[in-house]
Protein backbone atom coordinates (compact mmCIF):
# COMPACT_ATOMS: atom_id res chain seq x y z
CA UNK A 1 12.57 -5.97 9.67
CA UNK A 2 13.25 -4.90 6.08
CA UNK A 3 9.84 -4.54 4.45
CA UNK A 4 10.84 -6.34 1.22
CA UNK A 5 11.71 -9.88 0.19
CA UNK A 6 13.27 -10.89 -3.13
CA UNK A 7 11.83 -13.61 -5.33
CA UNK A 8 14.85 -15.87 -4.70
CA UNK A 9 14.68 -15.42 -0.95
CA UNK A 10 10.95 -16.06 -0.98
CA UNK A 11 11.44 -19.32 -2.90
CA UNK A 12 13.93 -20.48 -0.27
CA UNK A 13 11.58 -19.55 2.57
CA UNK A 14 8.64 -21.34 0.95
CA UNK A 15 10.79 -24.49 0.70
CA UNK A 16 11.72 -24.29 4.41
CA UNK A 17 9.99 -25.91 7.35
CA UNK A 18 8.43 -22.56 8.33
CA UNK A 19 7.10 -20.97 5.11
CA UNK A 20 5.42 -17.55 5.29
CA UNK A 21 1.72 -17.05 4.56
CA UNK A 22 1.23 -15.70 1.03
CA UNK A 23 -1.41 -13.12 0.15
CA UNK A 24 -2.16 -12.16 -3.48
CA UNK A 25 -3.53 -8.60 -3.74
CA UNK A 26 -4.15 -8.08 -7.44
CA UNK A 27 -6.10 -4.87 -8.07
CA UNK A 28 -6.23 -2.13 -10.69
CA UNK A 29 -7.97 1.22 -10.26
CA UNK A 30 -11.24 1.07 -12.19
CA UNK A 31 -10.57 -2.48 -13.28
CA UNK A 32 -12.37 -5.77 -12.44
CA UNK A 33 -11.51 -7.66 -9.24
CA UNK A 34 -8.37 -9.73 -9.55
CA UNK A 35 -9.89 -13.06 -8.50
CA UNK A 36 -10.04 -14.37 -12.06
CA UNK A 37 -6.40 -13.44 -12.67
CA UNK A 38 -5.52 -15.16 -9.41
CA UNK A 39 -7.20 -18.36 -10.53
CA UNK A 40 -5.38 -18.23 -13.87
CA UNK A 41 -2.04 -18.31 -12.09
CA UNK A 42 -0.61 -17.47 -8.65
CA UNK A 43 2.33 -18.39 -6.44
CA UNK A 44 1.67 -21.83 -4.94
CA UNK A 45 0.03 -21.59 -1.52
CA UNK A 46 -1.17 -18.01 -1.97
CA UNK A 47 -4.63 -16.80 -0.93
CA UNK A 48 -6.48 -14.12 -2.91
CA UNK A 49 -7.28 -10.87 -1.07
CA UNK A 50 -9.91 -8.50 -2.48
CA UNK A 51 -8.72 -4.93 -1.96
CA UNK A 52 -12.13 -3.29 -2.46
CA UNK A 53 -14.06 -5.53 -0.03
CA UNK A 54 -11.43 -6.77 2.45
CA UNK A 55 -8.84 -3.98 2.63
CA UNK A 56 -11.28 -1.05 2.61
CA UNK A 57 -14.47 0.04 4.29
CA UNK A 58 -17.42 1.85 2.78
CA UNK A 59 -18.84 5.16 3.94
CA UNK A 60 -19.80 8.62 2.83
CA UNK A 61 -17.93 10.28 -0.08
CA UNK A 62 -16.12 12.45 2.45
CA UNK A 63 -14.61 9.26 3.91
CA UNK A 64 -12.86 8.58 0.58
CA UNK A 65 -13.08 5.73 -1.93
CA UNK A 66 -11.07 3.30 0.20
CA UNK A 67 -11.45 4.25 3.87
CA UNK A 68 -9.88 1.91 6.39
CA UNK A 69 -11.96 -1.20 7.01
CA UNK A 70 -13.72 -1.80 10.29
CA UNK A 71 -11.24 -3.37 12.70
CA UNK A 72 -13.40 -6.40 13.47
CA UNK A 73 -14.19 -6.96 9.79
CA UNK A 74 -10.52 -6.79 8.91
CA UNK A 75 -9.69 -9.33 11.61
CA UNK A 76 -12.42 -11.63 10.24
CA UNK A 77 -10.93 -11.29 6.74
CA UNK A 78 -7.43 -12.08 8.02
CA UNK A 79 -8.77 -15.17 9.71
CA UNK A 80 -10.40 -16.23 6.41
CA UNK A 81 -6.97 -15.92 4.82
CA UNK A 82 -5.74 -18.46 7.35
CA UNK A 83 -3.61 -16.10 9.45
CA UNK A 84 -2.68 -16.98 13.02
CA UNK A 85 -0.84 -14.96 15.65
CA UNK A 86 2.90 -15.10 15.05
CA UNK A 87 2.65 -15.93 11.35
CA UNK A 88 5.15 -14.40 8.94
CA UNK A 89 3.30 -12.90 5.96
CA UNK A 90 4.40 -11.98 2.41
CA UNK A 91 2.06 -9.96 0.17
CA UNK A 92 2.39 -9.49 -3.59
CA UNK A 93 0.56 -8.23 -6.68
CA UNK A 94 1.29 -7.79 -10.38
CA UNK A 95 1.83 -4.01 -10.26
CA UNK A 96 5.24 -3.82 -8.51
CA UNK A 97 3.76 -3.74 -5.01
CA UNK A 98 1.62 -0.63 -5.45
CA UNK A 99 -1.55 -2.46 -4.42
CA UNK A 100 0.00 -5.14 -2.17
CA UNK A 101 1.43 -2.33 -0.06
CA UNK A 102 -2.10 -1.61 1.16
CA UNK A 103 -2.26 -5.09 2.73
CA UNK A 104 1.29 -4.62 4.09
CA UNK A 105 0.34 -1.33 5.68
CA UNK A 106 -2.95 -2.54 7.15
CA UNK A 107 -1.42 -5.67 8.67
CA UNK A 108 1.39 -3.60 10.16
CA UNK A 109 -1.13 -1.07 11.45
CA UNK A 110 -3.08 -3.97 12.98
CA UNK A 111 -0.07 -5.26 14.88
CA UNK A 112 1.42 -7.93 12.60
CA UNK A 113 5.16 -7.49 12.98
CA UNK A 114 6.44 -9.89 10.32
CA UNK A 115 4.94 -8.80 7.01
CA UNK A 116 6.84 -8.04 3.79
CA UNK A 117 6.15 -7.17 0.16
CA UNK A 118 7.54 -9.32 -2.66
CA UNK A 119 9.90 -6.95 -4.47
CA UNK A 120 8.80 -6.75 -8.10
CA UNK A 121 5.67 -8.77 -7.50
CA UNK A 122 4.51 -11.67 -9.61
CA UNK A 123 6.64 -10.55 -12.58
CA UNK A 124 9.81 -10.90 -10.49
CA UNK A 125 8.66 -14.30 -9.29
CA UNK A 126 8.11 -15.51 -12.85
CA UNK A 127 11.39 -13.98 -14.05
CA UNK A 128 13.24 -15.91 -11.33
CA UNK A 129 11.70 -19.17 -12.58
CA UNK A 130 9.14 -19.44 -9.83
CA UNK A 131 6.30 -21.93 -10.29
CA UNK A 132 2.65 -20.89 -10.44
CA UNK A 133 -0.52 -22.86 -9.78
CA UNK A 134 -4.05 -22.33 -10.97
CA UNK A 135 -7.50 -22.50 -9.43
CA UNK A 136 -9.04 -21.14 -6.24
CA UNK A 137 -7.45 -21.39 -2.81
CA UNK A 138 -9.51 -21.78 0.36
CA UNK A 139 -7.28 -22.15 3.46
CA UNK A 140 -8.20 -23.43 6.87
CA UNK A 141 -9.44 -20.47 8.94
CA UNK A 142 -6.94 -18.88 11.27
CA UNK A 143 -7.31 -17.25 14.66
CA UNK A 144 -5.20 -14.11 14.44
CA UNK A 145 -6.04 -11.22 16.81
CA UNK A 146 -5.65 -7.73 15.36
CA UNK A 147 -5.97 -4.18 16.67
CA UNK A 148 -5.36 -0.97 14.73
CA UNK A 149 -2.99 1.72 15.97
CA UNK A 150 0.57 0.57 15.31
CA UNK A 151 1.30 3.03 12.47
CA UNK A 152 0.77 6.81 12.36
CA UNK A 153 -2.18 8.34 10.53
CA UNK A 154 -3.54 11.86 10.01
CA UNK A 155 -7.03 13.14 9.25
CA UNK A 156 -8.16 15.95 6.92
CA UNK A 157 -7.69 18.69 9.56
CA UNK A 158 -4.14 17.55 10.21
CA UNK A 159 -3.46 17.31 6.46
CA UNK A 160 -4.61 20.92 6.07
CA UNK A 161 -2.11 22.08 8.70
CA UNK A 162 0.69 19.66 7.87
CA UNK A 163 2.63 21.65 5.29
CA UNK A 164 3.17 24.41 7.86
CA UNK A 165 5.15 22.08 10.13
CA UNK A 166 6.28 19.21 7.94
CA UNK A 167 6.35 17.62 4.51
CA UNK A 168 3.11 16.45 2.90
CA UNK A 169 3.77 14.15 -0.07
CA UNK A 170 1.22 13.39 -2.83
CA UNK A 171 1.91 9.92 -4.26
CA UNK A 172 -0.35 10.23 -7.34
CA UNK A 173 0.83 10.75 -10.89
CA UNK A 174 2.10 14.26 -11.58
CA UNK A 175 -0.69 15.15 -14.01
CA UNK A 176 -3.29 14.43 -11.35
CA UNK A 177 -1.36 16.44 -8.77
CA UNK A 178 -1.20 19.39 -11.16
CA UNK A 179 -4.92 19.11 -11.91
CA UNK A 180 -4.46 18.44 -15.61
CA UNK A 181 -6.59 15.26 -15.44
CA UNK A 182 -8.81 13.68 -12.81
CA UNK A 183 -10.37 10.34 -13.77
CA UNK A 184 -12.27 9.50 -10.59
CA UNK A 185 -12.50 12.29 -8.02
CA UNK A 186 -14.90 15.27 -8.15
CA UNK A 187 -12.23 18.00 -8.24
CA UNK A 188 -8.79 18.06 -9.84
CA UNK A 189 -5.63 19.27 -8.15
CA UNK A 190 -3.98 18.65 -4.79
CA UNK A 191 -4.02 19.60 -1.11
CA UNK A 192 -2.47 23.07 -0.80
CA UNK A 193 1.15 22.90 0.31
CA UNK A 194 1.65 19.27 -0.75
CA UNK A 195 4.59 18.20 -2.86
CA UNK A 196 4.28 15.87 -5.87
CA UNK A 197 6.13 12.60 -5.25
CA UNK A 198 4.67 9.94 -7.60
CA UNK A 199 5.10 6.53 -6.05
CA UNK A 200 6.12 4.99 -9.40
CA UNK A 201 9.31 7.06 -9.26
CA UNK A 202 10.47 4.81 -6.38
CA UNK A 203 10.66 1.89 -8.89
CA UNK A 204 13.29 0.96 -11.43
CA UNK A 205 12.65 -0.17 -15.02
CA UNK A 206 12.04 -3.77 -13.89
CA UNK A 207 9.47 -2.75 -11.29
CA UNK A 208 11.81 -3.32 -8.34
CA UNK A 209 12.12 -0.79 -5.55
CA UNK A 210 15.17 1.45 -5.92
CA UNK A 211 18.16 0.72 -3.66
CA UNK A 212 17.94 2.28 -0.17
CA UNK A 213 20.50 5.01 -0.85
CA UNK A 214 18.72 6.17 -4.01
CA UNK A 215 15.37 6.15 -2.21
CA UNK A 216 16.87 8.19 0.63
CA UNK A 217 18.23 10.72 -1.91
CA UNK A 218 14.85 10.90 -3.60
CA UNK A 219 12.97 11.66 -0.39
CA UNK A 220 15.65 14.04 0.87
CA UNK A 221 14.95 16.19 -2.19
CA UNK A 222 11.44 16.70 -0.80
CA UNK A 223 12.70 17.44 2.69
CA UNK A 224 11.69 13.99 3.94
CA UNK A 225 14.77 13.36 6.07
CA UNK A 226 15.26 11.88 9.55
CA UNK A 227 13.77 14.26 12.10
CA UNK A 228 11.29 15.83 9.71
CA UNK A 229 7.53 15.33 10.15
CA UNK A 230 6.31 13.56 6.99
CA UNK A 231 2.85 12.50 5.86
CA UNK A 232 1.68 11.00 2.59
CA UNK A 233 -1.58 10.68 0.67
CA UNK A 234 -2.70 9.60 -2.79
CA UNK A 235 -6.12 9.20 -4.43
CA UNK A 236 -7.68 6.90 -1.89
CA UNK A 237 -4.95 5.71 0.47
CA UNK A 238 -3.76 2.74 -1.61
CA UNK A 239 -0.61 3.77 -3.50
CA UNK A 240 0.34 6.10 -0.65
CA UNK A 241 1.05 2.92 1.36
CA UNK A 242 3.72 2.14 -1.24
CA UNK A 243 5.42 5.44 -0.41
CA UNK A 244 5.35 4.44 3.27
CA UNK A 245 6.99 1.16 2.22
CA UNK A 246 9.62 2.96 0.16
CA UNK A 247 10.53 5.29 3.01
CA UNK A 248 10.94 2.37 5.41
CA UNK A 249 13.03 0.52 2.79
CA UNK A 250 15.24 3.64 2.66
CA UNK A 251 15.79 3.42 6.41
CA UNK A 252 13.69 6.51 7.10
CA UNK A 253 11.14 6.87 9.89
CA UNK A 254 7.65 5.68 9.04
CA UNK A 255 5.58 8.61 7.68
CA UNK A 256 1.97 9.19 8.63
CA UNK A 257 -0.71 8.09 6.16
CA UNK A 258 -3.83 10.14 5.36
CA UNK A 259 -6.27 7.25 4.74
CA UNK A 260 -9.02 9.34 3.15
CA UNK A 261 -6.52 10.98 0.81
CA UNK A 262 -7.60 13.20 -2.07
CA UNK A 263 -10.84 11.31 -2.71
CA UNK A 264 -12.05 12.34 0.75
CA UNK A 265 -10.55 15.84 0.57
CA UNK A 266 -12.00 16.67 -2.86
CA UNK A 267 -15.51 15.53 -1.81
CA UNK A 268 -15.58 18.14 0.95
CA UNK A 269 -16.45 21.53 -0.60
CA UNK A 270 -15.02 23.33 2.42
CA UNK A 271 -11.51 22.09 1.59
CA UNK A 272 -9.47 24.20 -0.85
CA UNK A 273 -7.80 22.58 -3.85
CA UNK A 274 -4.61 23.83 -5.49
CA UNK A 275 -3.46 23.21 -9.07
CA UNK A 276 -0.21 23.47 -10.94
CA UNK A 277 3.27 22.61 -9.71
């Protein structure tokens, strides 16, 4: 299944007899929760998902800022969203999919086969003339059964060795990769051997994902081609999921995700940090 759905196709699906479940994952690094923005306007039928509390766990600093949630707690959250086994799911945000991709990745990892990201997010929906509704949304609880393990992951030890036998991509902004700035993590720089591949460079000027052929060309320039071992990380495992999405949209094999990402790596003094290009 292609991991994206356009605003026009989503509108048609929502008007059908079997509409997908809609999850709104509005979140900004360092910003307030998106619940208030959700209540001010969201796609009709959507349910708000809190990234910090429902799409992430909480542990030691060496686990990272957004470690994967506990499997049972994630299943409980998905049931609160009204999900049942066999449901088709569409996730969206207002930042071109860079936070909604976390929900996409987690649901895929937990065994949900039909889950897509709204290409261009809420902005694309509004631009296409899509209606919005206001207020809270509390669905009837669902009974979905979830189990992690459907997508590949790596840990810090594997990330340390990865550049020797594959391609390790860093999805953060270039200035954070180079160590010029670091707004949240204790050390600036990147995992030695990684390559800078900012996830925003997979988007066009309207916030839509680039066409598959252009995405494939972009990743080929990093050595991320069919047959190559590829893994990706970011600051805390959120925007890296968007790079996983982009690679799948390009028709490439699904890369491994390092969930702890640089927030976990930089909190471990035994791990070296590189700077510069």
